[in-house]
C-alpha atoms as a PDB file:
ATOM      1  CA  MET A   1     -53.299 211.478  13.573  1.00  0.00           C
ATOM      2  CA  ALA A   2     -49.702 213.213  13.144  1.00  0.00           C
ATOM      3  CA  GLY A   3     -47.811 211.131  15.622  1.00  0.00           C
ATOM      4  CA  LYS A   4     -44.268 209.138  15.271  1.00  0.00           C
ATOM      5  CA  ASN A   5     -44.819 205.780  13.451  1.00  0.00           C
ATOM      6  CA  THR A   6     -43.822 203.296  16.304  1.00  0.00           C
ATOM      7  CA  ASN A   7     -43.623 200.126  13.918  1.00  0.00           C
ATOM      8  CA  ARG A   8     -40.262 201.636  12.590  1.00  0.00           C
ATOM      9  CA  PRO A   9     -37.326 200.200  13.818  1.00  0.00           C
ATOM     10  CA  THR A  10     -34.910 203.188  15.082  1.00  0.00           C
ATOM     11  CA  ASN A  11     -31.211 203.059  16.362  1.00  0.00           C
ATOM     12  CA  GLU A  12     -32.600 205.917  19.164  1.00  0.00           C
ATOM     13  CA  ASN A  13     -31.533 205.070  22.831  1.00  0.00           C
ATOM     14  CA  THR A  14     -29.606 201.785  21.743  1.00  0.00           C
ATOM     15  CA  ASN A  15     -26.602 200.920  22.555  1.00  0.00           C
ATOM     16  CA  GLU A  16     -26.462 197.910  19.399  1.00  0.00           C
ATOM     17  CA  THR A  17     -23.999 199.217  16.919  1.00  0.00           C
ATOM     18  CA  SER A  18     -24.582 197.922  13.355  1.00  0.00           C
ATOM     19  CA  ARG A  19     -22.099 195.833  11.644  1.00  0.00           C
ATOM     20  CA  VAL A  20     -22.107 195.762   7.685  1.00  0.00           C
ATOM     21  CA  ILE A  21     -20.334 192.595   6.219  1.00  0.00           C
ATOM     22  CA  ASP A  22     -18.478 192.909   3.071  1.00  0.00           C
ATOM     23  CA  LEU A  23     -19.480 189.833   0.880  1.00  0.00           C
ATOM     24  CA  ASN A  24     -16.346 190.632  -1.206  1.00  0.00           C
ATOM     25  CA  GLU A  25     -14.349 190.584   1.936  1.00  0.00           C
ATOM     26  CA  VAL A  26     -15.498 187.116   2.877  1.00  0.00           C
ATOM     27  CA  ARG A  27     -15.240 185.689  -0.207  1.00  0.00           C
ATOM     28  CA  THR A  28     -11.460 187.155  -0.956  1.00  0.00           C
ATOM     29  CA  GLN A  29     -10.577 185.736   2.711  1.00  0.00           C
ATOM     30  CA  ARG A  30     -12.196 181.792   2.022  1.00  0.00           C
ATOM     31  CA  LEU A  31     -10.693 181.540  -1.336  1.00  0.00           C
ATOM     32  CA  GLU A  32      -7.248 182.904   0.403  1.00  0.00           C
ATOM     33  CA  ASP A  33      -7.617 179.981   3.293  1.00  0.00           C
ATOM     34  CA  LYS A  34      -8.461 177.918   0.510  1.00  0.00           C
ATOM     35  CA  ARG A  35      -5.291 178.756  -1.338  1.00  0.00           C
ATOM     36  CA  ARG A  36      -3.278 178.238   1.523  1.00  0.00           C
ATOM     37  CA  LYS A  37      -4.430 174.972   2.585  1.00  0.00           C
ATOM     38  CA  THR A  38      -3.848 173.874  -1.032  1.00  0.00           C
ATOM     39  CA  GLU A  39      -0.603 175.149  -1.179  1.00  0.00           C
ATOM     40  CA  ARG A  40       0.425 173.373   2.427  1.00  0.00           C
ATOM     41  CA  VAL A  41      -1.054 169.909   0.720  1.00  0.00           C
ATOM     42  CA  PHE A  42       0.741 170.184  -2.212  1.00  0.00           C
ATOM     43  CA  MET A  43       3.950 171.459  -0.408  1.00  0.00           C
ATOM     44  CA  ASN A  44       4.024 168.749   2.289  1.00  0.00           C
ATOM     45  CA  GLN A  45       2.295 165.705   0.361  1.00  0.00           C
ATOM     46  CA  PHE A  46       3.839 165.793  -2.916  1.00  0.00           C
ATOM     47  CA  LEU A  47       6.846 167.580  -2.567  1.00  0.00           C
ATOM     48  CA  GLY A  48       9.809 166.381  -0.534  1.00  0.00           C
ATOM     49  CA  VAL A  49      11.016 169.799   1.122  1.00  0.00           C
ATOM     50  CA  TYR A  50      14.323 169.781   2.879  1.00  0.00           C
ATOM     51  CA  CYS A  51      16.818 172.639   4.463  1.00  0.00           C
ATOM     52  CA  MET A  52      20.692 172.023   4.008  1.00  0.00           C
ATOM     53  CA  THR A  53      23.104 172.710   7.036  1.00  0.00           C
ATOM     54  CA  GLY A  54      26.231 173.410   8.140  1.00  0.00           C
ATOM     55  CA  ASN A  55      27.708 169.922   8.532  1.00  0.00           C
ATOM     56  CA  ASN A  56      26.468 169.066   4.615  1.00  0.00           C
ATOM     57  CA  SER A  57      23.191 167.392   5.745  1.00  0.00           C
ATOM     58  CA  MET A  58      19.574 167.307   5.015  1.00  0.00           C
ATOM     59  CA  HIS A  59      16.535 167.801   7.395  1.00  0.00           C
ATOM     60  CA  GLN A  60      13.129 167.958   6.497  1.00  0.00           C
ATOM     61  CA  ILE A  61      11.034 170.856   7.281  1.00  0.00           C
ATOM     62  CA  GLU A  62       7.250 171.343   6.855  1.00  0.00           C
ATOM     63  CA  VAL A  63       6.434 174.497   4.550  1.00  0.00           C
ATOM     64  CA  VAL A  64       3.362 176.551   6.258  1.00  0.00           C
ATOM     65  CA  ASP A  65       3.580 179.214   3.566  1.00  0.00           C
ATOM     66  CA  VAL A  66       4.716 180.449   0.363  1.00  0.00           C
ATOM     67  CA  SER A  67       4.857 183.725  -1.330  1.00  0.00           C
ATOM     68  CA  ASP A  68       6.707 185.726  -4.428  1.00  0.00           C
ATOM     69  CA  GLU A  69       9.356 186.796  -2.173  1.00  0.00           C
ATOM     70  CA  GLY A  70       9.854 184.195   0.153  1.00  0.00           C
ATOM     71  CA  LEU A  71       8.329 181.290   2.583  1.00  0.00           C
ATOM     72  CA  GLY A  72       7.711 180.213   6.386  1.00  0.00           C
ATOM     73  CA  PHE A  73       8.339 176.815   7.583  1.00  0.00           C
ATOM     74  CA  GLN A  74       8.401 175.158  11.149  1.00  0.00           C
ATOM     75  CA  VAL A  75      10.329 172.298  12.455  1.00  0.00           C
ATOM     76  CA  PRO A  76       9.483 170.042  15.966  1.00  0.00           C
ATOM     77  CA  VAL A  77      10.897 171.024  19.232  1.00  0.00           C
ATOM     78  CA  ASN A  78      13.185 167.986  20.105  1.00  0.00           C
ATOM     79  CA  SER A  79      14.155 168.564  23.839  1.00  0.00           C
ATOM     80  CA  ASP A  80      16.711 165.780  22.901  1.00  0.00           C
ATOM     81  CA  LYS A  81      18.151 167.342  19.944  1.00  0.00           C
ATOM     82  CA  PRO A  82      18.586 170.891  18.657  1.00  0.00           C
ATOM     83  CA  SER A  83      17.085 172.674  15.892  1.00  0.00           C
ATOM     84  CA  PRO A  84      18.870 171.461  12.851  1.00  0.00           C
ATOM     85  CA  ILE A  85      18.603 175.841  12.108  1.00  0.00           C
ATOM     86  CA  THR A  86      21.664 177.197  13.368  1.00  0.00           C
ATOM     87  CA  GLU A  87      22.407 179.768  10.422  1.00  0.00           C
ATOM     88  CA  LYS A  88      20.524 182.982   9.064  1.00  0.00           C
ATOM     89  CA  ASN A  89      21.182 181.944   5.600  1.00  0.00           C
ATOM     90  CA  PHE A  90      20.785 178.745   3.740  1.00  0.00           C
ATOM     91  CA  PRO A  91      19.666 176.679   0.765  1.00  0.00           C
ATOM     92  CA  ILE A  92      16.347 174.981   1.006  1.00  0.00           C
ATOM     93  CA  ARG A  93      15.808 172.000  -1.544  1.00  0.00           C
ATOM     94  CA  LEU A  94      12.403 171.428  -3.179  1.00  0.00           C
ATOM     95  CA  TYR A  95      12.353 167.593  -4.284  1.00  0.00           C
ATOM     96  CA  PHE A  96       9.902 167.282  -7.219  1.00  0.00           C
ATOM     97  CA  ASN A  97      11.165 163.741  -7.584  1.00  0.00           C
ATOM     98  CA  GLN A  98      13.797 161.520  -5.824  1.00  0.00           C
ATOM     99  CA  GLU A  99      16.350 162.870  -8.269  1.00  0.00           C
ATOM    100  CA  SER A 100      15.486 166.295  -9.673  1.00  0.00           C
ATOM    101  CA  PHE A 101      14.970 169.509  -6.906  1.00  0.00           C
ATOM    102  CA  LEU A 102      14.890 173.557  -7.063  1.00  0.00           C
ATOM    103  CA  GLN A 103      17.137 174.866  -4.451  1.00  0.00           C
ATOM    104  CA  VAL A 104      16.389 178.197  -3.639  1.00  0.00           C
ATOM    105  CA  HIS A 105      18.454 180.528  -0.583  1.00  0.00           C
ATOM    106  CA  VAL A 106      16.917 181.806   2.175  1.00  0.00           C
ATOM    107  CA  SER A 107      17.470 184.330   4.918  1.00  0.00           C
ATOM    108  CA  VAL A 108      15.364 184.074   8.336  1.00  0.00           C
ATOM    109  CA  GLN A 109      13.684 187.390   8.831  1.00  0.00           C
ATOM    110  CA  ASN A 110      11.757 186.025  12.147  1.00  0.00           C
ATOM    111  CA  THR A 111      11.090 183.158  14.276  1.00  0.00           C
ATOM    112  CA  ARG A 112       8.120 182.190  16.682  1.00  0.00           C
ATOM    113  CA  PRO A 113       7.087 179.481  18.525  1.00  0.00           C
ATOM    114  CA  ALA A 114       4.104 177.384  17.525  1.00  0.00           C
ATOM    115  CA  VAL A 115       1.648 175.198  18.578  1.00  0.00           C
ATOM    116  CA  GLN A 116      -0.005 172.759  16.168  1.00  0.00           C
ATOM    117  CA  ALA A 117      -2.618 169.688  17.309  1.00  0.00           C
ATOM    118  CA  GLY A 118      -0.604 169.296  20.736  1.00  0.00           C
ATOM    119  CA  THR A 119       2.746 169.314  19.198  1.00  0.00           C
ATOM    120  CA  ARG A 120       5.445 172.132  19.429  1.00  0.00           C
ATOM    121  CA  TYR A 121       7.040 173.942  16.781  1.00  0.00           C
ATOM    122  CA  THR A 122       9.565 176.673  15.967  1.00  0.00           C
ATOM    123  CA  ARG A 123       8.242 178.840  12.906  1.00  0.00           C
ATOM    124  CA  TYR A 124      10.754 180.436  10.648  1.00  0.00           C
ATOM    125  CA  GLY A 125       9.796 183.175   8.026  1.00  0.00           C
ATOM    126  CA  CYS A 126      12.118 183.526   5.527  1.00  0.00           C
ATOM    127  CA  ALA A 127      13.067 186.109   2.800  1.00  0.00           C
ATOM    128  CA  VAL A 128      14.205 183.869  -0.775  1.00  0.00           C
ATOM    129  CA  ASP A 129      17.622 185.476  -2.028  1.00  0.00           C
ATOM    130  CA  PRO A 130      16.531 187.131  -5.418  1.00  0.00           C
ATOM    131  CA  SER A 131      19.728 187.067  -6.872  1.00  0.00           C
ATOM    132  CA  THR A 132      20.128 183.582  -7.711  1.00  0.00           C
ATOM    133  CA  SER A 133      19.554 181.733 -11.116  1.00  0.00           C
ATOM    134  CA  THR A 134      16.433 179.742  -9.264  1.00  0.00           C
ATOM    135  CA  PHE A 135      14.592 182.492  -8.137  1.00  0.00           C
ATOM    136  CA  GLU A 136      12.807 183.198 -11.496  1.00  0.00           C
ATOM    137  CA  ALA A 137      11.701 179.451 -11.090  1.00  0.00           C
ATOM    138  CA  TYR A 138      10.652 179.715  -7.527  1.00  0.00           C
ATOM    139  CA  GLN A 139       8.494 182.664  -8.351  1.00  0.00           C
ATOM    140  CA  ALA A 140       6.800 181.032 -11.134  1.00  0.00           C
ATOM    141  CA  PHE A 141       6.325 177.579  -8.932  1.00  0.00           C
ATOM    142  CA  VAL A 142       4.669 180.108  -6.498  1.00  0.00           C
ATOM    143  CA  LYS A 143       2.232 181.471  -9.216  1.00  0.00           C
ATOM    144  CA  PHE A 144       1.273 178.027 -10.156  1.00  0.00           C
ATOM    145  CA  LEU A 145       0.388 177.186  -6.519  1.00  0.00           C
ATOM    146  CA  LYS A 146      -1.881 180.387  -6.448  1.00  0.00           C
ATOM    147  CA  ALA A 147      -3.212 179.745  -9.510  1.00  0.00           C
ATOM    148  CA  TYR A 148      -3.894 175.924  -8.310  1.00  0.00           C
ATOM    149  CA  GLY A 149      -5.142 176.874  -5.376  1.00  0.00           C
ATOM    150  CA  ASN A 150      -7.611 179.326  -6.419  1.00  0.00           C
ATOM    151  CA  VAL A 151      -9.573 176.818  -8.792  1.00  0.00           C
ATOM    152  CA  SER A 152      -8.890 173.344  -7.792  1.00  0.00           C
ATOM    153  CA  GLN A 153     -11.655 171.195  -6.400  1.00  0.00           C
ATOM    154  CA  LYS A 154     -12.059 168.509  -4.008  1.00  0.00           C
ATOM    155  CA  ASP A 155     -12.367 164.781  -5.697  1.00  0.00           C
ATOM    156  CA  LYS A 156     -15.715 163.716  -3.885  1.00  0.00           C
ATOM    157  CA  GLY A 157     -15.885 159.923  -5.054  1.00  0.00           C
ATOM    158  CA  ASP A 158     -18.518 160.420  -7.147  1.00  0.00           C
ATOM    159  CA  VAL A 159     -16.730 158.890 -10.735  1.00  0.00           C
ATOM    160  CA  ASN A 160     -16.035 155.607 -11.285  1.00  0.00           C
ATOM    161  CA  VAL A 161     -12.669 154.285 -12.531  1.00  0.00           C
ATOM    162  CA  PHE A 162     -12.027 151.559 -14.700  1.00  0.00           C
ATOM    163  CA  PHE A 163      -8.102 150.340 -15.197  1.00  0.00           C
ATOM    164  CA  VAL A 164      -7.790 148.576 -18.611  1.00  0.00           C
END
């Protein structure tokens, strides 16, 4: 019996498109998402991050992304107060404790509205000025954040802590 084997799946006469999932791409995206989340937690819970404004005052900002050449941050939209960001170029201070900070100079490249957890924000994408003396330290800090984000682990509370 020389006929067609009907037990074998075919793609003939179907509109279904085949989809191949690249597991390396999925893994890379997962690591990137974890790294960004870790960076945000580190920047916003362990550091104080402030922008300096023209009237010599500081305003706390929330960093949402960092890279070797730039950073992104957001400020809440408040109809009662105008945005503290009025200049295109200004310094940002990364406080590691109450007395010590790393200051980088940024230039706003883009702005866009954002909504997060029901709160309206303005997000700023900035380039960090590479000509300043602090640029190399900033890049080393970003490199640390990336490495930390790739290998950090979540504490599951499965270890007892004893104080002596």
